[in-house]
Amino acid sequence: MNKSELIEELANRTNLNLKVSETIVNLVVDSMKNALLDEERIELRGFGSFHIENYKAYTGRNPKTGESIEVAEKRLPFFKVGKDLKERINSNGSE
């Protein structure tokens, strides 16, 4: 499912027009982006959680040339699936 399909699904399930549904979805996504940028943890019970992990700089190797390269520190977002979703997926969604 992509963002536009999510907007359509919201519109269909709530009888809202597409423009209002788009505004709601954009608000949720933007709020999640801002929370991650502020290094806040996001938890959606029954679905999962998002958080930022920080990695220190290190010396790596170019696999093609063998040359040493410096890899800058970085922050990456991670998603951890929630227990309920994991159980539903492993039971083939038959619940």
N, C-alpha and C. Protein backbone atom coordinates (compact mmCIF):
# COMPACT_ATOMS: atom_id res chain seq x y z
N MET A 1 0.86 -1.17 0.00
CA MET A 1 0.00 0.00 0.00
C MET A 1 0.90 1.23 0.00
N ASN A 2 0.61 2.17 -0.87
CA ASN A 2 1.36 3.42 -0.89
C ASN A 2 0.50 4.54 -0.29
N LYS A 3 1.05 5.75 -0.24
CA LYS A 3 0.38 6.86 0.42
C LYS A 3 -0.97 7.19 -0.24
N SER A 4 -1.01 7.23 -1.56
CA SER A 4 -2.28 7.57 -2.22
C SER A 4 -3.34 6.49 -1.99
N GLU A 5 -2.92 5.23 -1.91
CA GLU A 5 -3.87 4.16 -1.60
C GLU A 5 -4.38 4.28 -0.17
N LEU A 6 -3.51 4.69 0.74
CA LEU A 6 -3.92 4.92 2.13
C LEU A 6 -4.95 6.05 2.21
N ILE A 7 -4.71 7.11 1.45
CA ILE A 7 -5.65 8.24 1.41
C ILE A 7 -7.01 7.78 0.90
N GLU A 8 -7.02 6.99 -0.17
CA GLU A 8 -8.27 6.47 -0.73
C GLU A 8 -8.98 5.56 0.27
N GLU A 9 -8.22 4.71 0.96
CA GLU A 9 -8.81 3.81 1.94
C GLU A 9 -9.46 4.59 3.09
N LEU A 10 -8.78 5.62 3.55
CA LEU A 10 -9.34 6.47 4.61
C LEU A 10 -10.62 7.14 4.13
N ALA A 11 -10.62 7.64 2.92
CA ALA A 11 -11.81 8.30 2.36
C ALA A 11 -12.97 7.31 2.26
N ASN A 12 -12.68 6.11 1.79
CA ASN A 12 -13.73 5.09 1.63
C ASN A 12 -14.31 4.64 2.96
N ARG A 13 -13.46 4.45 3.95
CA ARG A 13 -13.93 3.93 5.24
C ARG A 13 -14.64 4.98 6.08
N THR A 14 -14.35 6.25 5.85
CA THR A 14 -14.92 7.30 6.70
C THR A 14 -15.91 8.20 5.98
N ASN A 15 -16.09 7.99 4.69
CA ASN A 15 -16.95 8.84 3.87
C ASN A 15 -16.49 10.30 3.86
N LEU A 16 -15.17 10.51 4.04
CA LEU A 16 -14.59 11.85 3.90
C LEU A 16 -14.20 12.04 2.44
N ASN A 17 -14.13 13.28 1.99
CA ASN A 17 -13.67 13.47 0.62
C ASN A 17 -12.16 13.28 0.56
N LEU A 18 -11.62 13.11 -0.64
CA LEU A 18 -10.21 12.81 -0.81
C LEU A 18 -9.30 13.91 -0.27
N LYS A 19 -9.71 15.16 -0.42
CA LYS A 19 -8.88 16.28 0.04
C LYS A 19 -8.72 16.26 1.56
N VAL A 20 -9.79 16.00 2.28
CA VAL A 20 -9.73 15.93 3.74
C VAL A 20 -8.90 14.71 4.16
N SER A 21 -9.09 13.59 3.49
CA SER A 21 -8.32 12.38 3.79
C SER A 21 -6.84 12.62 3.55
N GLU A 22 -6.51 13.32 2.47
CA GLU A 22 -5.11 13.63 2.16
C GLU A 22 -4.50 14.51 3.25
N THR A 23 -5.27 15.49 3.71
CA THR A 23 -4.79 16.37 4.78
C THR A 23 -4.51 15.59 6.05
N ILE A 24 -5.38 14.66 6.40
CA ILE A 24 -5.20 13.85 7.61
C ILE A 24 -3.95 12.98 7.50
N VAL A 25 -3.81 12.29 6.38
CA VAL A 25 -2.66 11.41 6.19
C VAL A 25 -1.36 12.23 6.20
N ASN A 26 -1.35 13.37 5.51
CA ASN A 26 -0.17 14.22 5.50
C ASN A 26 0.18 14.73 6.90
N LEU A 27 -0.84 15.06 7.68
CA LEU A 27 -0.62 15.52 9.05
C LEU A 27 0.04 14.43 9.88
N VAL A 28 -0.45 13.21 9.77
CA VAL A 28 0.11 12.09 10.53
C VAL A 28 1.56 11.83 10.11
N VAL A 29 1.79 11.75 8.80
CA VAL A 29 3.14 11.48 8.30
C VAL A 29 4.11 12.60 8.69
N ASP A 30 3.69 13.84 8.53
CA ASP A 30 4.55 14.98 8.90
C ASP A 30 4.84 14.98 10.40
N SER A 31 3.86 14.66 11.22
CA SER A 31 4.07 14.60 12.66
C SER A 31 5.07 13.51 13.02
N MET A 32 4.99 12.38 12.35
CA MET A 32 5.94 11.29 12.59
C MET A 32 7.35 11.69 12.15
N LYS A 33 7.46 12.35 11.00
CA LYS A 33 8.77 12.82 10.53
C LYS A 33 9.38 13.79 11.53
N ASN A 34 8.59 14.75 12.00
CA ASN A 34 9.09 15.74 12.95
C ASN A 34 9.52 15.10 14.27
N ALA A 35 8.76 14.11 14.72
CA ALA A 35 9.13 13.42 15.96
C ALA A 35 10.47 12.71 15.79
N LEU A 36 10.66 12.04 14.66
CA LEU A 36 11.94 11.36 14.42
C LEU A 36 13.08 12.35 14.29
N LEU A 37 12.84 13.48 13.63
CA LEU A 37 13.89 14.50 13.51
C LEU A 37 14.28 15.04 14.89
N ASP A 38 13.33 15.07 15.82
CA ASP A 38 13.60 15.50 17.19
C ASP A 38 14.11 14.35 18.06
N GLU A 39 14.39 13.21 17.41
CA GLU A 39 14.87 11.98 18.05
C GLU A 39 13.90 11.45 19.10
N GLU A 40 12.62 11.65 18.86
CA GLU A 40 11.59 11.07 19.73
C GLU A 40 11.25 9.68 19.20
N ARG A 41 10.82 8.83 20.10
CA ARG A 41 10.39 7.48 19.74
C ARG A 41 8.90 7.55 19.40
N ILE A 42 8.50 6.81 18.38
CA ILE A 42 7.08 6.74 17.99
C ILE A 42 6.61 5.32 18.24
N GLU A 43 5.51 5.18 18.96
CA GLU A 43 4.97 3.85 19.22
C GLU A 43 3.51 3.80 18.80
N LEU A 44 3.18 2.87 17.93
CA LEU A 44 1.81 2.62 17.51
C LEU A 44 1.44 1.24 18.04
N ARG A 45 0.74 1.20 19.15
CA ARG A 45 0.41 -0.08 19.80
C ARG A 45 -0.25 -1.03 18.81
N GLY A 46 0.21 -2.26 18.83
CA GLY A 46 -0.34 -3.27 17.95
C GLY A 46 0.28 -3.25 16.56
N PHE A 47 1.07 -2.24 16.25
CA PHE A 47 1.70 -2.13 14.93
C PHE A 47 3.22 -2.19 15.06
N GLY A 48 3.81 -1.24 15.79
CA GLY A 48 5.25 -1.24 15.97
C GLY A 48 5.74 0.11 16.44
N SER A 49 7.07 0.25 16.46
CA SER A 49 7.66 1.51 16.91
C SER A 49 8.79 1.92 15.98
N PHE A 50 9.02 3.23 15.94
CA PHE A 50 10.07 3.82 15.15
C PHE A 50 11.01 4.55 16.10
N HIS A 51 12.32 4.49 15.81
CA HIS A 51 13.28 5.25 16.59
C HIS A 51 14.50 5.54 15.73
N ILE A 52 15.34 6.44 16.22
CA ILE A 52 16.57 6.82 15.52
C ILE A 52 17.74 6.17 16.23
N GLU A 53 18.65 5.58 15.46
CA GLU A 53 19.89 5.05 16.03
C GLU A 53 21.05 5.88 15.50
N ASN A 54 21.99 6.18 16.38
CA ASN A 54 23.17 6.95 16.04
C ASN A 54 24.36 6.02 15.84
N TYR A 55 25.09 6.23 14.75
CA TYR A 55 26.28 5.45 14.47
C TYR A 55 27.49 6.37 14.46
N LYS A 56 28.55 5.95 15.12
CA LYS A 56 29.78 6.74 15.17
C LYS A 56 30.52 6.60 13.85
N ALA A 57 31.40 7.56 13.58
CA ALA A 57 32.25 7.51 12.40
C ALA A 57 33.22 6.34 12.54
N TYR A 58 33.63 5.77 11.42
CA TYR A 58 34.58 4.66 11.45
C TYR A 58 35.37 4.63 10.14
N THR A 59 36.45 3.88 10.16
CA THR A 59 37.26 3.69 8.96
C THR A 59 36.80 2.41 8.28
N GLY A 60 36.33 2.55 7.04
CA GLY A 60 35.87 1.41 6.28
C GLY A 60 36.83 1.09 5.15
N ARG A 61 36.41 0.17 4.31
CA ARG A 61 37.23 -0.24 3.19
C ARG A 61 36.39 -0.29 1.93
N ASN A 62 36.91 0.26 0.85
CA ASN A 62 36.25 0.14 -0.44
C ASN A 62 36.46 -1.30 -0.92
N PRO A 63 35.39 -2.09 -1.07
CA PRO A 63 35.55 -3.50 -1.43
C PRO A 63 36.16 -3.71 -2.83
N LYS A 64 35.99 -2.72 -3.67
CA LYS A 64 36.50 -2.85 -5.04
C LYS A 64 38.01 -2.61 -5.11
N THR A 65 38.47 -1.56 -4.40
CA THR A 65 39.89 -1.18 -4.50
C THR A 65 40.70 -1.56 -3.27
N GLY A 66 40.04 -1.85 -2.15
CA GLY A 66 40.74 -2.15 -0.92
C GLY A 66 41.20 -0.91 -0.18
N GLU A 67 40.94 0.25 -0.74
CA GLU A 67 41.36 1.53 -0.16
C GLU A 67 40.57 1.82 1.11
N SER A 68 41.26 2.35 2.13
CA SER A 68 40.60 2.76 3.37
C SER A 68 39.85 4.07 3.13
N ILE A 69 38.64 4.15 3.69
CA ILE A 69 37.85 5.36 3.57
C ILE A 69 37.24 5.69 4.92
N GLU A 70 37.07 6.97 5.17
CA GLU A 70 36.42 7.40 6.40
C GLU A 70 34.91 7.49 6.17
N VAL A 71 34.16 6.82 7.03
CA VAL A 71 32.70 6.86 6.95
C VAL A 71 32.22 7.78 8.06
N ALA A 72 31.48 8.81 7.67
CA ALA A 72 31.00 9.81 8.63
C ALA A 72 29.97 9.21 9.58
N GLU A 73 29.82 9.85 10.75
CA GLU A 73 28.77 9.41 11.66
C GLU A 73 27.42 9.68 11.01
N LYS A 74 26.44 8.89 11.41
CA LYS A 74 25.12 9.04 10.81
C LYS A 74 24.02 8.63 11.78
N ARG A 75 22.82 9.09 11.47
CA ARG A 75 21.61 8.74 12.22
C ARG A 75 20.67 8.06 11.24
N LEU A 76 20.13 6.92 11.63
CA LEU A 76 19.22 6.19 10.75
C LEU A 76 17.93 5.83 11.49
N PRO A 77 16.80 5.94 10.81
CA PRO A 77 15.53 5.52 11.42
C PRO A 77 15.39 3.99 11.37
N PHE A 78 14.81 3.42 12.41
CA PHE A 78 14.55 1.99 12.46
C PHE A 78 13.11 1.75 12.86
N PHE A 79 12.56 0.63 12.37
CA PHE A 79 11.21 0.21 12.70
C PHE A 79 11.30 -1.15 13.37
N LYS A 80 10.60 -1.30 14.47
CA LYS A 80 10.51 -2.60 15.14
C LYS A 80 9.04 -3.00 15.16
N VAL A 81 8.74 -4.14 14.58
CA VAL A 81 7.36 -4.60 14.49
C VAL A 81 6.83 -4.91 15.89
N GLY A 82 5.55 -4.61 16.11
CA GLY A 82 4.91 -4.88 17.39
C GLY A 82 4.50 -6.34 17.52
N LYS A 83 4.34 -6.77 18.75
CA LYS A 83 4.00 -8.16 19.06
C LYS A 83 2.71 -8.61 18.37
N ASP A 84 1.66 -7.78 18.45
CA ASP A 84 0.37 -8.15 17.86
C ASP A 84 0.47 -8.34 16.35
N LEU A 85 1.14 -7.41 15.67
CA LEU A 85 1.29 -7.51 14.22
C LEU A 85 2.12 -8.73 13.85
N LYS A 86 3.20 -8.96 14.58
CA LYS A 86 4.06 -10.11 14.32
C LYS A 86 3.27 -11.41 14.45
N GLU A 87 2.45 -11.51 15.50
CA GLU A 87 1.64 -12.71 15.71
C GLU A 87 0.62 -12.89 14.59
N ARG A 88 -0.01 -11.80 14.15
CA ARG A 88 -1.00 -11.90 13.06
C ARG A 88 -0.36 -12.33 11.76
N ILE A 89 0.83 -11.78 11.48
CA ILE A 89 1.53 -12.16 10.26
C ILE A 89 1.93 -13.62 10.30
N ASN A 90 2.40 -14.09 11.44
CA ASN A 90 2.84 -15.47 11.56
C ASN A 90 1.69 -16.46 11.62
N SER A 91 0.48 -15.97 11.88
CA SER A 91 -0.68 -16.85 11.84
C SER A 91 -1.41 -16.69 10.50
N ASN A 92 -0.71 -16.10 9.52
CA ASN A 92 -1.25 -15.87 8.17
C ASN A 92 -2.44 -14.94 8.16
N GLY A 93 -2.57 -14.07 9.15
CA GLY A 93 -3.63 -13.07 9.20
C GLY A 93 -5.01 -13.66 9.34
N SER A 94 -5.10 -14.90 9.85
CA SER A 94 -6.40 -15.57 9.92
C SER A 94 -7.20 -15.22 11.17
N GLU A 95 -6.73 -14.25 11.94
CA GLU A 95 -7.47 -13.87 13.15
C GLU A 95 -8.58 -12.93 12.84
